[in-house]
Amino acid sequence: MFTEINLPKPSEKLINLIKTVAASRPTNIGGQAVHIDVQSDNVNCAAGEFFADPEVSKLALLEYQSYFYNNLTPLIGLLRNTRTDAPASYAPHSDRIRNVGINFYVDLGGSNVSTVFYDKHDPEDDLQGGHNARYEDLTKVNEYYCNDSTWYVFNTRQYHSVENIETTRVMLSLSLIGVNAKDVHKVMKNLA
């Protein structure tokens, strides 16, 4: 589900570049609105987005492409709490386009942030994925607390959320291109 993998930590140059790009990126209110529309009013939804930056992509590919058979797409992920009075959630969702996510957390976004996985998956024939779900429609199956020195791999078709975001969670996310949903577990086993 959410497994540590043994990849080297990004270089200080790459980490500093990600921090610089993240700090200058405006808040994606549209990424927040899609979650607000689905959740009840008492959920503080984080503003979230994953985007490519040419310089980050170039450096990340130099550092990591040789570890994988599949082509990688490096992305920066930002999950921002836009309020100061309550922790935020990046509410339950499945990822779009990709089936496997590999994340390194540059900033955890708080002292007690967790990734929660639920009992539902996108169907394997859903080529786009990227659905949002209400908390009330899901059952929690696992919860993980990450650190900022380890890589993690997970099946992005399984519904997941990020809870207790106090500030901004910043990550380098490597997407494996060309991995079918039916091969996700095989890929994860090979990476673990």
Protein backbone atom coordinates (compact mmCIF):
# COMPACT_ATOMS: atom_id res chain seq x y z
CA MET A 1 0.00 0.00 0.00
CA PHE A 2 2.51 2.64 1.18
CA THR A 3 6.01 1.20 1.22
CA GLU A 4 9.44 2.65 1.94
CA ILE A 5 11.91 2.19 -0.89
CA ASN A 6 15.67 2.43 -0.90
CA LEU A 7 16.51 5.33 -3.20
CA PRO A 8 19.16 7.90 -2.36
CA LYS A 9 18.01 11.18 -0.89
CA PRO A 10 17.82 13.98 -3.47
CA SER A 11 20.91 16.15 -3.70
CA GLU A 12 20.96 19.39 -1.73
CA LYS A 13 20.90 21.20 -5.08
CA LEU A 14 17.64 19.46 -6.05
CA ILE A 15 16.06 19.97 -2.62
CA ASN A 16 16.95 23.68 -2.61
CA LEU A 17 15.60 24.08 -6.14
CA ILE A 18 12.30 22.43 -5.15
CA LYS A 19 12.03 24.70 -2.10
CA THR A 20 12.67 27.79 -4.24
CA VAL A 21 10.10 26.82 -6.88
CA ALA A 22 7.53 25.86 -4.22
CA ALA A 23 7.96 29.15 -2.33
CA SER A 24 7.32 31.21 -5.47
CA ARG A 25 4.30 29.21 -6.65
CA PRO A 26 0.92 30.90 -6.07
CA THR A 27 -1.74 28.95 -4.17
CA ASN A 28 -3.90 26.80 -6.44
CA ILE A 29 -7.38 27.72 -5.24
CA GLY A 30 -8.90 25.63 -8.07
CA GLY A 31 -7.20 22.56 -6.60
CA GLN A 32 -8.92 23.36 -3.32
CA ALA A 33 -12.36 24.03 -4.82
CA VAL A 34 -12.69 20.53 -6.31
CA HIS A 35 -12.38 19.04 -2.83
CA ILE A 36 -14.60 21.63 -1.14
CA ASP A 37 -17.39 20.79 -3.62
CA VAL A 38 -17.36 17.13 -2.50
CA GLN A 39 -16.79 17.41 1.27
CA SER A 40 -19.09 18.58 4.04
CA ASP A 41 -18.73 22.13 5.32
CA ASN A 42 -16.74 21.14 8.43
CA VAL A 43 -13.73 19.87 6.42
CA ASN A 44 -10.88 22.35 5.96
CA CYS A 45 -9.68 21.31 2.49
CA ALA A 46 -6.08 22.02 1.53
CA ALA A 47 -5.20 23.66 -1.77
CA GLY A 48 -3.26 21.08 -3.72
CA GLU A 49 -1.49 20.67 -7.00
CA PHE A 50 1.17 18.63 -8.75
CA PHE A 51 3.10 20.36 -11.50
CA ALA A 52 6.24 20.00 -13.59
CA ASP A 53 9.07 22.51 -13.44
CA PRO A 54 11.64 22.19 -16.27
CA GLU A 55 14.72 22.69 -14.08
CA VAL A 56 13.49 20.35 -11.34
CA SER A 57 12.54 17.73 -13.94
CA LYS A 58 15.93 17.87 -15.63
CA LEU A 59 17.86 17.49 -12.38
CA ALA A 60 15.50 14.82 -10.97
CA LEU A 61 15.82 12.75 -14.14
CA LEU A 62 19.62 12.97 -13.94
CA GLU A 63 19.50 11.72 -10.34
CA TYR A 64 16.79 9.04 -10.63
CA GLN A 65 15.97 7.80 -14.16
CA SER A 66 18.79 5.22 -14.07
CA TYR A 67 17.03 3.40 -11.18
CA PHE A 68 13.92 2.60 -13.25
CA TYR A 69 13.04 0.72 -16.42
CA ASN A 70 10.00 2.91 -17.06
CA ASN A 71 10.27 6.54 -18.02
CA LEU A 72 9.72 8.94 -15.13
CA THR A 73 7.82 12.19 -14.95
CA PRO A 74 9.09 14.25 -11.98
CA LEU A 75 6.52 16.55 -10.39
CA ILE A 76 6.46 18.93 -7.46
CA GLY A 77 3.51 18.40 -5.14
CA LEU A 78 2.19 21.20 -2.93
CA LEU A 79 -0.58 20.75 -0.37
CA ARG A 80 -1.28 24.07 1.35
CA ASN A 81 -3.36 24.87 4.38
CA THR A 82 -4.93 28.22 3.54
CA ARG A 83 -6.19 28.79 7.09
CA THR A 84 -4.30 29.32 10.33
CA ASP A 85 -7.05 28.26 12.75
CA ALA A 86 -7.27 24.54 11.88
CA PRO A 87 -5.26 21.76 10.25
CA ALA A 88 -6.24 20.98 6.66
CA SER A 89 -6.93 17.78 4.78
CA TYR A 90 -6.18 16.90 1.21
CA ALA A 91 -9.42 14.95 1.11
CA PRO A 92 -9.90 11.39 -0.22
CA HIS A 93 -9.02 11.00 -3.86
CA SER A 94 -7.33 8.81 -6.42
CA ASP A 95 -4.66 10.31 -8.64
CA ARG A 96 -5.16 11.21 -12.27
CA ILE A 97 -3.20 9.64 -15.11
CA ARG A 98 -0.63 7.70 -13.06
CA ASN A 99 -1.02 4.36 -11.28
CA VAL A 100 2.17 4.43 -9.20
CA GLY A 101 3.47 7.36 -7.17
CA ILE A 102 6.93 7.60 -5.63
CA ASN A 103 7.24 10.50 -3.17
CA PHE A 104 10.03 12.16 -1.25
CA TYR A 105 8.83 14.76 1.28
CA VAL A 106 10.91 17.94 1.28
CA ASP A 107 8.61 19.48 3.91
CA LEU A 108 6.12 17.33 5.80
CA GLY A 109 3.69 20.22 6.29
CA GLY A 110 3.37 19.84 10.04
CA SER A 111 4.30 17.79 13.07
CA ASN A 112 1.60 15.10 12.80
CA VAL A 113 0.71 14.81 9.10
CA SER A 114 -0.45 11.39 7.96
CA THR A 115 -1.43 9.67 4.73
CA VAL A 116 -4.61 7.63 5.09
CA PHE A 117 -5.69 4.86 2.71
CA TYR A 118 -9.30 3.73 2.24
CA ASP A 119 -11.15 0.62 1.11
CA LYS A 120 -11.95 1.70 -2.47
CA HIS A 121 -9.94 1.77 -5.70
CA ASP A 122 -10.52 3.20 -9.15
CA PRO A 123 -11.44 0.43 -11.57
CA GLU A 124 -8.54 -0.83 -13.66
CA ASP A 125 -10.29 0.12 -16.91
CA ASP A 126 -10.59 3.77 -15.80
CA LEU A 127 -7.67 5.18 -17.77
CA GLN A 128 -7.94 8.70 -16.36
CA GLY A 129 -8.68 8.11 -12.69
CA GLY A 130 -8.56 11.18 -10.54
CA HIS A 131 -11.78 10.93 -8.59
CA ASN A 132 -12.68 12.59 -5.30
CA ALA A 133 -14.75 10.87 -2.62
CA ARG A 134 -16.56 11.89 0.53
CA TYR A 135 -15.17 10.69 3.84
CA GLU A 136 -18.61 9.30 4.68
CA ASP A 137 -18.48 6.91 1.70
CA LEU A 138 -15.17 5.28 2.63
CA THR A 139 -13.69 3.09 5.35
CA LYS A 140 -10.17 3.80 6.58
CA VAL A 141 -7.84 0.78 6.26
CA ASN A 142 -4.35 2.17 7.05
CA GLU A 143 -2.61 5.34 8.19
CA TYR A 144 1.07 6.19 7.68
CA TYR A 145 3.36 8.87 9.09
CA CYS A 146 6.29 9.77 6.83
CA ASN A 147 9.67 11.25 7.50
CA ASP A 148 11.67 13.65 5.37
CA SER A 149 14.56 11.32 4.58
CA THR A 150 12.81 8.35 2.95
CA TRP A 151 11.18 7.60 -0.40
CA TYR A 152 7.71 6.01 -0.43
CA VAL A 153 5.90 4.15 -3.23
CA PHE A 154 2.13 3.60 -3.38
CA ASN A 155 -0.75 2.59 -5.61
CA THR A 156 -2.39 5.88 -6.60
CA ARG A 157 -5.61 4.16 -7.69
CA GLN A 158 -6.42 3.39 -4.07
CA TYR A 159 -8.30 6.27 -2.47
CA HIS A 160 -6.09 8.19 -0.05
CA SER A 161 -6.03 11.47 1.83
CA VAL A 162 -3.46 13.57 3.67
CA GLU A 163 -4.52 14.67 7.14
CA ASN A 164 -3.43 17.35 9.66
CA ILE A 165 -1.59 19.66 7.27
CA GLU A 166 -0.56 22.68 9.31
CA THR A 167 1.50 24.61 6.74
CA THR A 168 2.56 23.43 3.26
CA ARG A 169 3.50 19.85 2.42
CA VAL A 170 6.13 19.89 -0.33
CA MET A 171 7.20 16.76 -2.18
CA LEU A 172 9.11 15.51 -5.17
CA SER A 173 6.88 12.96 -6.83
CA LEU A 174 8.13 10.56 -9.50
CA SER A 175 5.41 9.14 -11.70
CA LEU A 176 6.12 5.91 -13.57
CA ILE A 177 4.89 6.19 -17.14
CA GLY A 178 3.43 3.16 -18.87
CA VAL A 179 2.63 1.11 -15.77
CA ASN A 180 -0.82 -0.48 -16.04
CA ALA A 181 -3.06 -0.68 -13.00
CA LYS A 182 -2.83 -4.48 -13.02
CA ASP A 183 0.99 -4.25 -12.72
CA VAL A 184 1.09 -1.82 -9.79
CA HIS A 185 1.66 -4.47 -7.11
CA LYS A 186 4.43 -6.10 -9.15
CA VAL A 187 6.18 -2.73 -9.59
CA MET A 188 5.81 -1.89 -5.90
CA LYS A 189 7.25 -5.27 -4.91
CA ASN A 190 10.25 -4.71 -7.19
CA LEU A 191 10.87 -1.26 -5.71
CA ALA A 192 10.51 -2.25 -2.05
